[in-house]
Amino acid sequence: MPSLCFVIVVAFTSLALEVLCETAIFPKSDDSDKMCGYNTEMNDELRRNFTDMHNYRRSQLALGKVSKRQGYLPAASNMIKLEWDCCLERNATEYVRTCPHEGSKEKQRDSRIGELYARVPVTVGDYKRGIREALTNWWKVVRQVAEDRCIGKDTTFFPQKHAEIKTFAQMAWAKTTKVGCAIGICPSTTAKDKEYVVVCRYFPKGNKENENVYSVGRACNACPNGYSCTAPFDCDQQNCQGLCI
């Protein structure tokens, strides 16, 4: 299987030649940042913020604690705990660097990779708050759509029917195992203030037609082969995350 770094770098090198744009301002990093040493436009604190904010929401979903417009979504039995991926981060960074006005086209990236994109006013606060705002906006759509446009006991994804919850569906896609994101400050598209541009990449991608967002059932009851439940293993206990690792 080809390297994710190699395939995506080629795609974004081509893209960069086509776009005349400003250059994003990235968070500062230093020698203490060890997770992805060759990526200097991110720091470990923000990497952990991205990862933890994703996994907290996935855990809440696995435990049946995510509300929708009417009631709660069913618990997930096969929700994998996401791991940070430096190659996905690196290529999200290359895209953010161009200060894009929209998410990338599927043909511009590896076909195995999913993506979410957001712009957030810098007035929300620091980079961490920008991350939180983007992820919150992606996730909360599941509480806003009409019942017939949402998932329920049947979590099968249909692109047209579920277009309004596609950001939630990618964040919640149980079989996705890796995430890598970037955040930078760019000129605003509509106002004088600058904006955070936030891009997250997911492997393998979600939102596949006629596939389940996740399997319904008791948390950790259907972890894939090679995975086990996060400690404590008994999800009747208080501190269970309900994620497969």
Protein backbone atom coordinates (compact mmCIF):
# COMPACT_ATOMS: atom_id res chain seq x y z
CA MET A 1 0.00 0.00 0.00
CA PRO A 2 1.50 3.39 -0.97
CA SER A 3 2.55 5.82 1.73
CA LEU A 4 -0.11 8.31 2.76
CA CYS A 5 2.56 11.00 3.01
CA PHE A 6 3.87 10.44 -0.51
CA VAL A 7 0.52 10.21 -2.26
CA ILE A 8 -0.97 13.26 -0.59
CA VAL A 9 2.14 15.43 -0.92
CA VAL A 10 2.06 14.89 -4.68
CA ALA A 11 -1.59 15.95 -4.77
CA PHE A 12 -1.00 19.14 -2.81
CA THR A 13 2.15 20.08 -4.72
CA SER A 14 -0.01 20.11 -7.82
CA LEU A 15 -2.75 22.05 -6.06
CA ALA A 16 -0.38 24.72 -4.78
CA LEU A 17 0.65 25.58 -8.34
CA GLU A 18 -2.97 26.29 -9.22
CA VAL A 19 -3.80 28.63 -6.34
CA LEU A 20 -2.62 32.20 -5.82
CA CYS A 21 -3.19 32.94 -2.15
CA GLU A 22 -1.98 34.27 1.15
CA THR A 23 0.12 32.17 3.50
CA ALA A 24 -1.43 31.02 6.76
CA ILE A 25 0.04 31.91 10.15
CA PHE A 26 0.61 28.72 12.12
CA PRO A 27 0.98 27.98 15.85
CA LYS A 28 4.49 28.08 17.29
CA SER A 29 6.39 24.88 18.02
CA ASP A 30 9.72 24.23 19.70
CA ASP A 31 12.17 21.42 20.46
CA SER A 32 9.87 20.05 23.17
CA ASP A 33 7.32 18.99 20.54
CA LYS A 34 8.15 15.35 19.85
CA MET A 35 5.03 13.77 18.33
CA CYS A 36 5.75 14.86 14.73
CA GLY A 37 9.24 16.30 14.75
CA TYR A 38 9.38 17.24 11.08
CA ASN A 39 6.09 19.18 11.21
CA THR A 40 6.95 22.59 12.64
CA GLU A 41 3.59 24.31 12.05
CA MET A 42 1.89 22.53 14.96
CA ASN A 43 2.70 21.76 18.58
CA ASP A 44 1.99 18.74 20.76
CA GLU A 45 -0.54 20.54 22.95
CA LEU A 46 -2.75 21.29 19.95
CA ARG A 47 -2.26 17.79 18.56
CA ARG A 48 -3.58 16.42 21.84
CA ASN A 49 -6.44 18.92 21.78
CA PHE A 50 -7.55 17.74 18.35
CA THR A 51 -7.25 14.07 19.30
CA ASP A 52 -8.89 14.35 22.70
CA MET A 53 -11.79 16.44 21.42
CA HIS A 54 -12.49 13.83 18.75
CA ASN A 55 -12.21 10.88 21.10
CA TYR A 56 -14.32 12.49 23.82
CA ARG A 57 -17.19 12.85 21.36
CA ARG A 58 -16.70 9.34 20.00
CA SER A 59 -16.74 8.02 23.57
CA GLN A 60 -19.97 9.85 24.38
CA LEU A 61 -21.54 8.36 21.27
CA ALA A 62 -20.30 4.86 22.10
CA LEU A 63 -21.95 5.17 25.52
CA GLY A 64 -25.27 6.39 24.11
CA LYS A 65 -24.90 9.89 25.56
CA VAL A 66 -25.18 11.98 22.38
CA SER A 67 -28.49 13.76 21.99
CA LYS A 68 -30.26 14.44 18.73
CA ARG A 69 -33.35 16.52 18.02
CA GLN A 70 -35.57 13.86 19.57
CA GLY A 71 -33.96 11.75 22.27
CA TYR A 72 -30.51 10.18 22.00
CA LEU A 73 -28.54 8.34 19.35
CA PRO A 74 -28.11 4.62 20.08
CA ALA A 75 -24.86 3.43 21.64
CA ALA A 76 -22.03 2.20 19.40
CA SER A 77 -20.49 -1.24 19.82
CA ASN A 78 -17.48 -0.85 17.49
CA MET A 79 -16.18 2.70 18.00
CA ILE A 80 -12.40 2.83 17.52
CA LYS A 81 -10.28 5.29 19.48
CA LEU A 82 -8.57 7.62 17.01
CA GLU A 83 -4.78 7.93 16.88
CA TRP A 84 -2.89 10.98 15.64
CA ASP A 85 -1.18 10.55 12.27
CA CYS A 86 1.74 12.81 11.33
CA CYS A 87 1.35 12.24 7.59
CA LEU A 88 -2.28 13.32 7.68
CA GLU A 89 -1.26 16.36 9.73
CA ARG A 90 1.52 17.22 7.31
CA ASN A 91 -0.79 17.25 4.33
CA ALA A 92 -3.60 19.05 6.12
CA THR A 93 -0.95 21.68 6.89
CA GLU A 94 0.02 22.00 3.23
CA TYR A 95 -3.61 22.66 2.35
CA VAL A 96 -4.19 25.16 5.18
CA ARG A 97 -1.00 26.97 4.10
CA THR A 98 -2.82 28.10 0.93
CA CYS A 99 -5.61 29.78 2.95
CA PRO A 100 -8.30 27.86 1.04
CA HIS A 101 -11.86 29.14 0.84
CA GLU A 102 -13.37 25.64 0.84
CA GLY A 103 -12.47 22.03 1.48
CA SER A 104 -10.31 20.21 -1.05
CA LYS A 105 -11.86 18.23 -3.88
CA GLU A 106 -11.74 14.44 -3.55
CA LYS A 107 -9.64 14.17 -6.72
CA GLN A 108 -7.00 16.40 -5.10
CA ARG A 109 -6.22 13.93 -2.32
CA ASP A 110 -5.73 10.22 -1.78
CA SER A 111 -9.02 8.40 -2.35
CA ARG A 112 -8.66 6.67 1.03
CA ILE A 113 -8.68 9.95 2.95
CA GLY A 114 -11.67 11.88 4.28
CA GLU A 115 -11.62 15.57 5.13
CA LEU A 116 -13.47 18.19 7.16
CA TYR A 117 -12.94 21.93 6.68
CA ALA A 118 -14.01 24.99 8.67
CA ARG A 119 -13.41 28.70 9.00
CA VAL A 120 -13.77 30.20 12.48
CA PRO A 121 -13.45 33.91 13.46
CA VAL A 122 -10.28 34.58 15.44
CA THR A 123 -12.47 36.52 17.86
CA VAL A 124 -13.38 33.19 19.52
CA GLY A 125 -9.96 33.26 21.20
CA ASP A 126 -6.68 31.37 20.87
CA TYR A 127 -5.85 28.40 18.63
CA LYS A 128 -7.29 25.94 21.15
CA ARG A 129 -10.62 27.76 21.14
CA GLY A 130 -10.55 27.83 17.35
CA ILE A 131 -10.16 24.05 17.34
CA ARG A 132 -12.99 23.61 19.81
CA GLU A 133 -15.31 25.86 17.80
CA ALA A 134 -14.65 23.98 14.55
CA LEU A 135 -15.16 20.53 16.07
CA THR A 136 -18.25 21.65 17.97
CA ASN A 137 -19.79 23.01 14.77
CA TRP A 138 -19.03 19.79 12.88
CA TRP A 139 -20.53 17.64 15.62
CA LYS A 140 -23.60 19.60 16.69
CA VAL A 141 -25.38 19.31 13.34
CA VAL A 142 -26.77 15.97 14.52
CA ARG A 143 -28.86 17.85 17.09
CA GLN A 144 -30.17 20.35 14.56
CA VAL A 145 -31.55 18.30 11.68
CA ALA A 146 -35.05 16.92 11.37
CA GLU A 147 -35.52 13.35 12.53
CA ASP A 148 -36.00 12.03 8.99
CA ARG A 149 -32.61 13.50 7.97
CA CYS A 150 -30.74 11.95 10.87
CA ILE A 151 -29.54 8.45 11.74
CA GLY A 152 -31.21 6.33 14.41
CA LYS A 153 -31.40 2.62 15.08
CA ASP A 154 -30.42 2.26 11.44
CA THR A 155 -27.07 4.04 11.01
CA THR A 156 -26.70 3.36 7.28
CA PHE A 157 -25.26 6.44 5.56
CA PHE A 158 -26.91 7.83 2.43
CA PRO A 159 -25.10 10.89 0.98
CA GLN A 160 -28.23 12.73 -0.18
CA LYS A 161 -30.41 11.95 2.82
CA HIS A 162 -27.66 12.67 5.33
CA ALA A 163 -25.98 15.63 3.62
CA GLU A 164 -26.74 17.88 6.59
CA ILE A 165 -24.95 15.60 9.06
CA LYS A 166 -21.95 14.63 6.92
CA THR A 167 -19.49 16.42 9.23
CA PHE A 168 -20.87 14.57 12.25
CA ALA A 169 -20.84 11.28 10.33
CA GLN A 170 -17.14 11.59 9.47
CA MET A 171 -16.19 12.42 13.05
CA ALA A 172 -18.33 9.51 14.27
CA TRP A 173 -17.32 6.96 11.61
CA ALA A 174 -16.49 3.95 13.76
CA LYS A 175 -13.98 2.33 11.40
CA THR A 176 -11.84 5.44 11.02
CA THR A 177 -8.61 4.81 12.92
CA LYS A 178 -6.37 7.85 12.30
CA VAL A 179 -6.74 11.61 12.29
CA GLY A 180 -4.38 14.47 11.51
CA CYS A 181 -5.31 18.14 11.49
CA ALA A 182 -3.93 21.63 11.00
CA ILE A 183 -5.00 25.13 11.99
CA GLY A 184 -3.77 28.47 10.69
CA ILE A 185 -4.81 32.12 10.64
CA CYS A 186 -5.86 33.54 7.27
CA PRO A 187 -7.59 36.64 5.89
CA SER A 188 -11.36 36.51 6.31
CA THR A 189 -13.55 35.79 3.32
CA THR A 190 -16.34 38.11 4.50
CA ALA A 191 -15.07 40.51 7.17
CA LYS A 192 -12.07 42.60 8.16
CA ASP A 193 -11.10 40.26 10.99
CA LYS A 194 -8.92 37.26 10.27
CA GLU A 195 -10.17 33.69 10.54
CA TYR A 196 -8.86 30.33 11.64
CA VAL A 197 -8.81 27.77 8.85
CA VAL A 198 -9.17 24.28 10.30
CA VAL A 199 -8.70 21.10 8.27
CA CYS A 200 -8.82 17.53 9.57
CA ARG A 201 -7.97 14.43 7.55
CA TYR A 202 -9.28 10.94 8.37
CA PHE A 203 -8.08 7.44 7.48
CA PRO A 204 -9.84 5.43 6.35
CA LYS A 205 -12.43 7.91 5.22
CA GLY A 206 -16.04 7.73 6.35
CA ASN A 207 -19.34 8.70 4.76
CA LYS A 208 -19.38 5.71 2.43
CA GLU A 209 -22.72 5.11 0.78
CA ASN A 210 -24.77 2.19 2.15
CA GLU A 211 -22.29 1.55 4.98
CA ASN A 212 -23.03 2.00 8.68
CA VAL A 213 -21.68 5.03 10.49
CA TYR A 214 -21.30 2.59 13.39
CA SER A 215 -22.78 -0.65 14.69
CA VAL A 216 -25.54 -0.24 17.24
CA GLY A 217 -25.09 -2.07 20.53
CA ARG A 218 -23.44 -2.03 23.93
CA ALA A 219 -20.12 -0.18 23.93
CA CYS A 220 -17.14 -2.39 22.99
CA ASN A 221 -19.33 -5.43 22.26
CA ALA A 222 -18.20 -5.57 18.63
CA CYS A 223 -14.62 -4.29 18.62
CA PRO A 224 -12.84 -5.32 15.39
CA ASN A 225 -10.35 -8.19 15.44
CA GLY A 226 -7.15 -7.13 17.18
CA TYR A 227 -8.90 -4.45 19.25
CA SER A 228 -10.02 -4.54 22.87
CA CYS A 229 -11.96 -2.14 25.08
CA THR A 230 -10.35 0.85 26.75
CA ALA A 231 -9.84 0.34 30.48
CA PRO A 232 -11.85 -0.19 32.57
CA PHE A 233 -12.98 -3.05 30.38
CA ASP A 234 -16.38 -3.40 32.04
CA CYS A 235 -18.53 -0.62 30.61
CA ASP A 236 -20.87 -0.86 33.58
CA GLN A 237 -18.18 0.99 35.52
CA GLN A 238 -18.20 4.78 35.80
CA ASN A 239 -15.01 5.60 33.89
CA CYS A 240 -15.57 3.44 30.82
CA GLN A 241 -14.75 5.23 27.55
CA GLY A 242 -16.43 2.60 25.41
CA LEU A 243 -13.74 2.85 22.72
CA CYS A 244 -11.88 0.05 20.96
CA ILE A 245 -8.07 0.24 21.06
